[in-house]
Amino acid sequence: MAHRSPSLTAAEPLQPADHAPPERLTIWVSRIGRSCLVCAVAGASDPPASEEGTGAGGSGAPPPPGPPSISAPSSRIPRSGNANLAIVLIALGLLATAAGIAVNFLSARSRDAVINAVPIHVSAPIEGVVERIDVQPGSLVQAGAVIARVRNPVAPRDAIKTLQTALQTATSRVTDLEEQEGLQQQRLTRLRSDREQQLALESERDRQEIRETEAALQRTGQALAFARRDAERQRFLFEQGAVAGNVVDRAYTEVEQRQHELDGLRSRRAAQNAVLRASEGNLSLRHNRSGFDPSVRLQEEELALNRLQGDLRTERRRVSGLREQLAVAEQEWSERHEWTVRSPRTAVVWDVLAQEGDRVNGLEPLLTLIDCERRWLTTTMTEHDLNEIGVGSKARVQLVGNRRRLRGEVVSIRSGIGRLQLGEEAIRPVPINLARESEVRVRLLNDWPAPPEEFCYVGSSARVVFGS
């Protein structure tokens, strides 16, 4: 009995890929698969054609002689082993085709796109001549690496010369003030020595006066005691009638005078003690000190030294400030005179815009770098395919002309391209035949090393397949 392969009926025509619903697609693919399997099994199970004269017992003995008979026509066409193998291969091919069609229908595909990257324009902030370029397109440069050098041979040095002159003047002024300070210190040393000697002499004089006063006090005290005894004796004699009354009066008057002298000496001694204490404290209670007094001169010279030291501190600060300004001016001149261009980050040289010997200004870029860590591509898709993807969906990027497959991730989806005027409130009819497409931005994942000599695939065409 011949095997018949099932096929699609006319009632179920093959629908285009863009409009086939998933249920009909699944039925269609399953029927193709069953047909392929049935064909393969049928081809493998058909026995080969038997040779004529083979007996029913299969022993190979010739049939017994008998009258000739007319055999009925055979209903089975003999097939060889190669034909069976061809049928199996065709069935497997149909299965692979069906699987590819299923993947094509179940995966959302975009149009061709171009891989892009963040450009980095590198320039020198000075005017000058390009002295050298150390890189070429396709070179990988590390962050901070020297990539070019620009020199300005006519950078002015007027500001530096002015600051150098001011610094020399201020330095000379500081030197003069330091010499004056040294001389003033010497004068102060001499005046302090003179004052010490004067204080020692005054103190010795005051002590001598105190000693003399104490001796006078002692003598006056003795005289007072004698006068009192004499007055008592004269009073006794007066009471006895031996002397006149005026003699007694003179005796008591002498006592009073001696007492006044003693009190005066005591007051003078107290004053002398006060003068001595004042002298020891660098004070004067005897008279106002004049300009010839060492203490007065010392005070005046100390004030002069303080003013001198203040001027010296001011000049030193001025010198320090001028040195800082000069250092800044020299640094600025050095930067205007020569500038070393360094890579701001690890990147790949995309284009060299200047050559050695070119004159450039501070606005012209010298090179363009690309950041291979930030690559993306923007493609378009029909709106009905957006059901298959979303922000965060994974994507497979197939490079055109390259077997390398990259991975990406959807970062943004923007619809209404060409059909929406942002901010417009008036309703405008959209033409039916206007393409309903959406812009999809895919960020490339950096999980595979990007070759710098191929510019990290930037500028390469690619096809994007969304889904697993």
Protein backbone atom coordinates (compact mmCIF):
# COMPACT_ATOMS: atom_id res chain seq x y z
CA MET A 1 0.00 0.00 0.00
CA ALA A 2 1.52 3.35 -1.03
CA HIS A 3 2.02 6.05 1.61
CA ARG A 4 0.52 9.49 0.92
CA SER A 5 2.06 12.57 2.46
CA PRO A 6 -0.43 15.01 3.99
CA SER A 7 -0.27 18.54 2.58
CA LEU A 8 -1.83 21.94 3.14
CA THR A 9 -5.31 22.19 1.70
CA ALA A 10 -6.54 24.98 -0.49
CA ALA A 11 -8.81 26.12 2.32
CA GLU A 12 -5.72 27.10 4.38
CA PRO A 13 -3.48 29.18 2.14
CA LEU A 14 -0.02 30.30 3.30
CA GLN A 15 -0.27 33.82 4.72
CA PRO A 16 2.43 36.46 4.44
CA ALA A 17 4.85 36.66 7.34
CA ASP A 18 3.80 40.16 8.32
CA HIS A 19 0.11 39.17 8.74
CA ALA A 20 0.13 35.47 9.81
CA PRO A 21 -1.35 35.08 13.26
CA PRO A 22 0.67 32.99 15.73
CA GLU A 23 -2.02 30.21 15.95
CA ARG A 24 -2.18 29.67 12.19
CA LEU A 25 1.61 29.89 12.02
CA THR A 26 2.00 27.14 14.62
CA ILE A 27 -0.47 24.85 12.76
CA TRP A 28 1.28 25.51 9.46
CA VAL A 29 4.75 24.72 10.83
CA SER A 30 3.52 21.56 12.60
CA ARG A 31 1.90 20.28 9.40
CA ILE A 32 5.07 20.83 7.41
CA GLY A 33 7.01 18.95 10.07
CA ARG A 34 4.59 16.01 10.06
CA SER A 35 4.72 15.83 6.27
CA CYS A 36 8.52 15.75 6.32
CA LEU A 37 8.57 13.01 8.95
CA VAL A 38 6.02 10.88 7.10
CA CYS A 39 8.01 11.15 3.87
CA ALA A 40 11.20 10.18 5.64
CA VAL A 41 9.61 7.18 7.35
CA ALA A 42 7.90 6.03 4.16
CA GLY A 43 11.10 6.21 2.17
CA ALA A 44 13.05 4.33 4.76
CA SER A 45 10.43 1.55 5.18
CA ASP A 46 9.91 0.65 1.43
CA PRO A 47 11.71 -2.69 0.64
CA PRO A 48 13.93 -2.85 -2.42
CA ALA A 49 12.61 -4.49 -5.61
CA SER A 50 13.08 -8.30 -5.59
CA GLU A 51 14.86 -10.03 -8.40
CA GLU A 52 12.82 -12.09 -10.80
CA GLY A 53 12.69 -15.82 -10.19
CA THR A 54 12.81 -15.57 -6.41
CA GLY A 55 10.63 -18.15 -4.80
CA ALA A 56 8.00 -17.63 -2.25
CA GLY A 57 10.14 -19.34 0.31
CA GLY A 58 12.95 -16.95 -0.29
CA SER A 59 15.44 -19.75 -0.87
CA GLY A 60 16.50 -18.49 -4.32
CA ALA A 61 15.66 -21.76 -6.12
CA PRO A 62 14.26 -21.42 -9.64
CA PRO A 63 10.51 -21.92 -9.95
CA PRO A 64 9.23 -25.19 -11.19
CA PRO A 65 8.49 -25.35 -14.84
CA GLY A 66 4.90 -24.78 -15.76
CA PRO A 67 2.76 -23.09 -18.27
CA PRO A 68 3.57 -19.46 -18.83
CA SER A 69 1.30 -16.94 -17.15
CA ILE A 70 0.69 -13.26 -17.60
CA SER A 71 1.59 -11.35 -14.39
CA ALA A 72 -0.45 -8.37 -13.22
CA PRO A 73 1.20 -4.94 -13.46
CA SER A 74 3.07 -3.90 -10.23
CA SER A 75 1.63 -1.00 -8.20
CA ARG A 76 4.98 -0.03 -6.54
CA ILE A 77 7.90 1.71 -8.31
CA PRO A 78 11.24 0.29 -7.21
CA ARG A 79 13.60 2.83 -5.49
CA SER A 80 17.32 2.63 -4.79
CA GLY A 81 19.13 3.51 -1.53
CA ASN A 82 20.31 6.86 -2.96
CA ALA A 83 16.71 7.86 -3.59
CA ASN A 84 15.81 7.06 0.00
CA LEU A 85 18.76 9.11 1.25
CA ALA A 86 17.70 12.03 -0.94
CA ILE A 87 14.19 11.89 0.50
CA VAL A 88 15.58 11.97 4.05
CA LEU A 89 17.82 14.94 3.25
CA ILE A 90 14.94 16.81 1.63
CA ALA A 91 12.83 16.18 4.73
CA LEU A 92 15.55 17.48 7.02
CA GLY A 93 15.95 20.56 4.82
CA LEU A 94 12.23 21.21 5.02
CA LEU A 95 12.40 20.89 8.81
CA ALA A 96 15.27 23.41 8.99
CA THR A 97 13.38 25.76 6.69
CA ALA A 98 10.28 25.46 8.84
CA ALA A 99 12.32 26.20 11.98
CA GLY A 100 13.90 29.26 10.35
CA ILE A 101 10.50 30.52 9.24
CA ALA A 102 9.19 30.04 12.79
CA VAL A 103 12.10 31.97 14.29
CA ASN A 104 11.62 34.70 11.69
CA PHE A 105 7.95 35.01 12.57
CA LEU A 106 8.44 34.83 16.35
CA SER A 107 11.34 37.36 16.45
CA ALA A 108 10.99 41.08 15.83
CA ARG A 109 13.47 42.38 13.29
CA SER A 110 14.48 45.93 12.50
CA ARG A 111 15.84 47.60 9.44
CA ASP A 112 19.54 47.99 8.87
CA ALA A 113 21.23 50.49 11.20
CA VAL A 114 24.69 51.95 11.75
CA ILE A 115 26.63 51.63 15.01
CA ASN A 116 27.38 55.00 16.56
CA ALA A 117 29.49 56.22 19.49
CA VAL A 118 30.10 59.32 21.61
CA PRO A 119 32.63 61.59 19.86
CA ILE A 120 35.33 63.36 21.87
CA HIS A 121 36.79 66.43 20.20
CA VAL A 122 40.28 67.21 21.47
CA SER A 123 41.84 70.65 20.98
CA ALA A 124 44.61 72.83 22.40
CA PRO A 125 43.54 76.02 24.24
CA ILE A 126 46.33 78.08 22.65
CA GLU A 127 47.20 79.36 19.23
CA GLY A 128 50.29 77.95 17.64
CA VAL A 129 51.83 75.42 15.32
CA VAL A 130 51.29 71.68 15.61
CA GLU A 131 54.70 70.35 16.57
CA ARG A 132 53.84 66.67 16.47
CA ILE A 133 50.98 64.17 16.36
CA ASP A 134 51.73 60.94 18.19
CA VAL A 135 48.70 58.86 17.13
CA GLN A 136 46.86 57.80 14.01
CA PRO A 137 43.29 56.68 13.26
CA GLY A 138 42.54 53.36 14.90
CA SER A 139 45.05 53.85 17.72
CA LEU A 140 43.97 53.00 21.26
CA VAL A 141 45.01 55.74 23.70
CA GLN A 142 44.87 55.53 27.47
CA ALA A 143 43.55 58.28 29.70
CA GLY A 144 46.23 60.94 30.20
CA ALA A 145 48.43 59.72 27.34
CA VAL A 146 50.21 62.37 25.26
CA ILE A 147 48.66 62.48 21.79
CA ALA A 148 49.88 65.83 20.37
CA ARG A 149 51.92 68.95 21.12
CA VAL A 150 51.31 72.56 20.03
CA ARG A 151 53.93 75.34 20.32
CA ASN A 152 53.50 79.12 20.08
CA PRO A 153 56.93 80.70 19.44
CA VAL A 154 55.65 84.30 19.70
CA ALA A 155 53.94 84.19 23.10
CA PRO A 156 54.55 87.59 24.84
CA ARG A 157 56.56 87.85 28.07
CA ASP A 158 55.68 91.46 29.02
CA ALA A 159 53.77 90.49 32.15
CA ILE A 160 56.64 88.28 33.30
CA LYS A 161 59.19 91.08 32.84
CA THR A 162 57.01 93.55 34.79
CA LEU A 163 56.62 91.11 37.67
CA GLN A 164 60.34 90.32 37.68
CA THR A 165 61.18 94.04 37.98
CA ALA A 166 58.69 94.51 40.82
CA LEU A 167 60.06 91.43 42.57
CA GLN A 168 63.64 92.70 42.35
CA THR A 169 62.60 96.08 43.81
CA ALA A 170 60.69 94.46 46.66
CA THR A 171 63.56 92.08 47.38
CA SER A 172 66.01 95.00 47.59
CA ARG A 173 63.62 96.79 49.94
CA VAL A 174 63.46 93.72 52.16
CA THR A 175 67.26 93.54 52.24
CA ASP A 176 67.51 97.21 53.30
CA LEU A 177 64.90 96.75 56.01
CA GLU A 178 66.69 93.68 57.33
CA GLU A 179 69.92 95.70 57.60
CA GLN A 180 68.10 98.50 59.40
CA GLU A 181 66.55 95.97 61.73
CA GLY A 182 69.99 94.62 62.59
CA LEU A 183 71.32 98.12 63.37
CA GLN A 184 68.26 98.90 65.45
CA GLN A 185 68.74 95.71 67.42
CA GLN A 186 72.32 96.77 68.18
CA ARG A 187 71.16 100.21 69.38
CA LEU A 188 68.57 98.59 71.56
CA THR A 189 71.20 96.31 73.05
CA ARG A 190 73.36 99.30 73.98
CA LEU A 191 70.41 101.23 75.39
CA ARG A 192 69.34 98.26 77.47
CA SER A 193 72.87 98.05 78.87
CA ASP A 194 72.87 101.79 79.65
CA ARG A 195 69.51 101.51 81.32
CA GLU A 196 70.70 98.60 83.40
CA GLN A 197 73.68 100.62 84.57
CA GLN A 198 71.55 103.67 85.25
CA LEU A 199 69.06 101.64 87.24
CA ALA A 200 71.89 100.10 89.22
CA LEU A 201 73.37 103.54 90.00
CA GLU A 202 70.01 105.02 90.95
CA SER A 203 69.23 102.06 93.16
CA GLU A 204 72.59 102.35 94.88
CA ARG A 205 72.09 106.07 95.39
CA ASP A 206 68.64 105.51 96.87
CA ARG A 207 69.97 102.84 99.20
CA GLN A 208 72.76 105.18 100.31
CA GLU A 209 70.28 107.93 101.06
CA ILE A 210 68.17 105.47 103.02
CA ARG A 211 71.20 104.46 105.06
CA GLU A 212 72.03 108.10 105.79
CA THR A 213 68.44 108.78 106.80
CA GLU A 214 68.43 105.78 109.11
CA ALA A 215 71.65 107.05 110.74
CA ALA A 216 70.08 110.47 111.20
CA LEU A 217 67.03 108.79 112.67
CA GLN A 218 69.20 107.00 115.14
CA ARG A 219 70.98 110.20 116.17
CA THR A 220 67.77 112.16 116.41
CA GLY A 221 66.19 109.41 118.49
CA GLN A 222 69.09 109.52 120.90
CA ALA A 223 68.91 113.31 121.07
CA LEU A 224 65.18 113.09 121.74
CA ALA A 225 65.71 110.67 124.57
CA PHE A 226 68.40 112.93 126.09
CA ALA A 227 66.13 115.97 125.72
CA ARG A 228 63.31 114.18 127.52
CA ARG A 229 65.59 113.20 130.42
CA ASP A 230 66.93 116.73 130.62
CA ALA A 231 63.39 118.15 130.64
CA GLU A 232 62.43 115.84 133.50
CA ARG A 233 65.50 116.82 135.46
CA GLN A 234 64.89 120.56 134.92
CA ARG A 235 61.29 120.16 136.00
CA PHE A 236 62.43 118.39 139.20
CA LEU A 237 64.92 121.16 139.94
CA PHE A 238 62.24 123.75 139.25
CA GLU A 239 59.98 122.06 141.76
CA GLN A 240 62.83 122.20 144.28
CA GLY A 241 63.29 125.87 143.50
CA ALA A 242 66.75 125.37 142.18
CA VAL A 243 66.16 126.72 138.67
CA ALA A 244 63.87 129.24 137.10
CA GLY A 245 60.77 128.32 135.11
CA ASN A 246 62.18 129.49 131.79
CA VAL A 247 64.85 126.81 132.02
CA VAL A 248 62.12 124.17 132.20
CA ASP A 249 60.37 125.72 129.22
CA ARG A 250 63.53 125.60 127.11
CA ALA A 251 64.01 121.94 128.05
CA TYR A 252 60.52 120.96 126.87
CA THR A 253 60.90 123.04 123.73
CA GLU A 254 64.04 121.06 122.92
CA VAL A 255 62.06 117.82 123.32
CA GLU A 256 59.44 119.01 120.87
CA GLN A 257 62.05 120.01 118.29
CA ARG A 258 63.77 116.67 118.54
CA GLN A 259 60.42 114.94 118.11
CA HIS A 260 59.66 116.95 114.96
CA GLU A 261 63.08 116.11 113.57
CA LEU A 262 62.49 112.43 114.24
CA ASP A 263 59.09 112.46 112.51
CA GLY A 264 60.57 114.24 109.49
CA LEU A 265 63.37 111.71 109.18
CA ARG A 266 60.87 108.87 109.35
CA SER A 267 58.79 110.43 106.54
CA ARG A 268 61.90 110.95 104.46
CA ARG A 269 62.93 107.34 104.94
CA ALA A 270 59.49 106.14 103.78
CA ALA A 271 59.76 108.32 100.68
CA GLN A 272 63.24 107.03 99.96
CA ASN A 273 62.00 103.45 100.21
CA ALA A 274 59.29 104.28 97.69
CA VAL A 275 61.87 105.81 95.35
CA LEU A 276 64.02 102.70 95.67
CA ARG A 277 61.12 100.41 94.78
CA ALA A 278 60.28 102.61 91.81
CA SER A 279 63.87 102.49 90.58
CA GLU A 280 63.92 98.76 90.86
CA GLY A 281 60.71 98.73 88.76
CA ASN A 282 62.21 101.03 86.09
CA LEU A 283 60.18 104.00 87.35
CA SER A 284 61.23 107.44 88.40
CA LEU A 285 59.62 109.40 91.25
CA ARG A 286 62.29 112.09 91.54
CA HIS A 287 61.77 113.99 88.25
CA ASN A 288 60.48 113.66 84.66
CA ARG A 289 62.89 111.80 82.45
CA SER A 290 64.24 113.70 79.46
CA GLY A 291 65.30 112.46 76.04
CA PHE A 292 68.78 111.85 77.37
CA ASP A 293 67.52 109.29 79.84
CA PRO A 294 68.39 105.73 78.67
CA SER A 295 64.93 104.45 79.57
CA VAL A 296 63.24 107.12 77.46
CA ARG A 297 65.59 106.52 74.57
CA LEU A 298 65.06 102.79 74.89
CA GLN A 299 61.30 103.20 74.62
CA GLU A 300 61.66 105.40 71.55
CA GLU A 301 64.01 102.94 69.87
CA GLU A 302 61.72 100.02 70.66
CA LEU A 303 58.84 101.85 68.97
CA ALA A 304 61.07 102.51 65.97
CA LEU A 305 62.02 98.83 65.85
CA ASN A 306 58.36 97.81 65.92
CA ARG A 307 57.60 100.11 62.99
CA LEU A 308 60.61 98.76 61.13
CA GLN A 309 59.57 95.18 61.72
CA GLY A 310 56.03 95.98 60.52
CA ASP A 311 57.41 97.42 57.29
CA LEU A 312 59.63 94.38 56.92
CA ARG A 313 56.70 91.98 57.32
CA THR A 314 54.72 93.96 54.76
CA GLU A 315 57.55 93.85 52.24
CA ARG A 316 58.10 90.16 52.81
CA ARG A 317 54.42 89.45 52.14
CA ARG A 318 54.68 91.57 49.01
CA VAL A 319 57.71 89.59 47.86
CA SER A 320 55.87 86.34 48.51
CA GLY A 321 52.85 87.56 46.55
CA LEU A 322 55.01 88.72 43.65
CA ARG A 323 56.73 85.35 43.54
CA GLU A 324 53.37 83.58 43.37
CA GLN A 325 52.19 85.94 40.63
CA LEU A 326 55.42 85.38 38.74
CA ALA A 327 55.04 81.61 39.03
CA VAL A 328 51.47 81.83 37.73
CA ALA A 329 52.55 84.15 34.90
CA GLU A 330 55.38 81.81 33.92
CA GLN A 331 52.99 78.85 34.01
CA GLU A 332 50.49 80.71 31.85
CA TRP A 333 53.24 81.72 29.46
CA SER A 334 54.48 78.15 29.34
CA GLU A 335 50.96 76.98 28.55
CA ARG A 336 50.59 79.63 25.86
CA HIS A 337 54.05 78.87 24.56
CA GLU A 338 53.68 75.09 24.52
CA TRP A 339 50.73 72.86 25.23
CA THR A 340 50.80 69.10 25.59
CA VAL A 341 47.54 67.56 24.44
CA ARG A 342 46.50 64.53 26.49
CA SER A 343 43.66 62.10 26.06
CA PRO A 344 40.82 62.89 28.48
CA ARG A 345 39.90 59.21 28.77
CA THR A 346 40.65 55.81 27.30
CA ALA A 347 39.40 55.98 23.72
CA VAL A 348 40.14 55.17 20.08
CA VAL A 349 41.34 57.76 17.58
CA TRP A 350 38.59 58.25 15.01
CA ASP A 351 40.11 61.02 12.91
CA VAL A 352 43.21 63.25 12.89
CA LEU A 353 42.12 66.72 11.77
CA ALA A 354 45.51 68.49 11.87
CA GLN A 355 48.94 67.63 10.58
CA GLU A 356 52.40 68.53 11.83
CA GLY A 357 53.22 72.10 10.87
CA ASP A 358 49.60 73.28 10.69
CA ARG A 359 48.75 76.52 12.48
CA VAL A 360 45.70 76.19 14.72
CA ASN A 361 43.77 78.39 17.11
CA GLY A 362 42.27 77.51 20.44
CA LEU A 363 38.88 76.58 18.93
CA GLU A 364 39.93 74.15 16.22
CA PRO A 365 39.86 70.46 17.22
CA LEU A 366 43.03 68.54 16.52
CA LEU A 367 41.66 65.03 16.82
CA THR A 368 38.38 63.23 17.24
CA LEU A 369 38.21 60.26 19.60
CA ILE A 370 35.40 57.80 20.19
CA ASP A 371 34.42 56.26 23.49
CA CYS A 372 34.04 52.55 22.83
CA GLU A 373 32.37 52.12 26.20
CA ARG A 374 29.36 54.13 25.00
CA ARG A 375 28.15 52.76 21.68
CA TRP A 376 24.62 52.52 20.37
CA LEU A 377 22.57 52.27 17.22
CA THR A 378 19.19 53.73 16.33
CA THR A 379 16.84 51.82 14.07
CA THR A 380 13.19 51.86 13.08
CA MET A 381 10.44 49.25 13.44
CA THR A 382 6.80 49.03 12.51
CA GLU A 383 4.46 49.85 15.34
CA HIS A 384 2.73 46.44 15.41
CA ASP A 385 6.16 44.86 16.19
CA LEU A 386 6.46 46.90 19.39
CA ASN A 387 4.39 44.26 21.18
CA GLU A 388 7.43 42.01 21.00
CA ILE A 389 9.90 44.44 22.68
CA GLY A 390 10.14 47.06 25.40
CA VAL A 391 12.69 49.15 27.24
CA GLY A 392 15.22 46.73 28.69
CA SER A 393 14.62 44.05 26.06
CA LYS A 394 17.67 42.17 24.88
CA ALA A 395 18.80 42.46 21.30
CA ARG A 396 21.19 40.61 19.03
CA VAL A 397 23.20 42.74 16.62
CA GLN A 398 24.47 41.04 13.46
CA LEU A 399 27.19 43.00 11.70
CA VAL A 400 26.90 43.20 7.92
CA GLY A 401 29.98 41.65 6.33
CA ASN A 402 31.22 40.30 9.66
CA ARG A 403 30.37 37.09 11.48
CA ARG A 404 30.67 38.78 14.85
CA ARG A 405 27.42 38.99 16.81
CA LEU A 406 27.03 41.62 19.49
CA ARG A 407 24.54 41.96 22.29
CA GLY A 408 22.55 45.03 23.17
CA GLU A 409 19.72 46.39 25.24
CA VAL A 410 16.81 48.65 24.32
CA VAL A 411 17.12 51.98 26.13
CA SER A 412 14.39 54.07 24.48
CA ILE A 413 11.45 53.78 22.09
CA ARG A 414 10.00 56.83 20.34
CA SER A 415 6.91 56.62 18.16
CA GLY A 416 5.19 59.12 15.91
CA ILE A 417 8.15 59.80 13.64
CA GLY A 418 7.00 62.02 10.77
CA ARG A 419 3.39 61.98 12.00
CA LEU A 420 3.59 64.20 15.10
CA GLN A 421 4.41 67.88 15.50
CA LEU A 422 5.39 68.28 19.14
CA GLY A 423 3.18 70.78 20.98
CA GLU A 424 0.64 71.08 18.17
CA GLU A 425 -2.94 71.05 19.45
CA ALA A 426 -4.77 71.18 16.12
CA ILE A 427 -5.87 67.81 14.80
CA ARG A 428 -4.40 66.89 11.43
CA PRO A 429 -5.49 63.78 9.55
CA VAL A 430 -2.70 61.27 9.13
CA PRO A 431 -2.41 59.78 5.62
CA ILE A 432 -3.21 56.09 5.51
CA ASN A 433 -0.15 55.22 3.49
CA LEU A 434 2.23 57.07 5.86
CA ALA A 435 4.59 54.57 7.45
CA ARG A 436 3.82 53.87 11.09
CA GLU A 437 7.31 53.39 12.36
CA SER A 438 8.97 53.86 15.73
CA GLU A 439 12.53 54.78 16.56
CA VAL A 440 14.30 52.26 18.78
CA ARG A 441 17.62 53.05 20.41
CA VAL A 442 19.79 50.07 21.39
CA ARG A 443 22.80 50.37 23.68
CA LEU A 444 25.57 47.92 22.90
CA LEU A 445 26.83 45.88 25.82
CA ASN A 446 30.57 45.86 26.35
CA ASP A 447 30.80 42.16 27.14
CA TRP A 448 32.95 41.45 24.08
CA PRO A 449 36.31 43.16 23.36
CA ALA A 450 35.92 45.72 20.59
CA PRO A 451 38.99 45.84 18.31
CA PRO A 452 40.36 49.40 18.13
CA GLU A 453 41.84 48.81 14.68
CA GLU A 454 38.24 48.31 13.48
CA PHE A 455 37.13 51.42 15.40
CA CYS A 456 35.10 49.25 17.79
CA TYR A 457 32.72 48.53 14.87
CA VAL A 458 31.57 52.17 14.92
CA GLY A 459 30.21 53.05 11.48
CA SER A 460 29.48 49.42 10.60
CA SER A 461 26.06 48.46 9.29
CA ALA A 462 24.14 45.96 11.36
CA ARG A 463 20.81 44.20 11.64
CA VAL A 464 19.07 44.01 14.98
CA VAL A 465 17.00 41.04 16.12
CA PHE A 466 14.94 41.49 19.27
CA GLY A 467 13.87 38.75 21.60
CA SER A 468 15.60 35.69 22.99
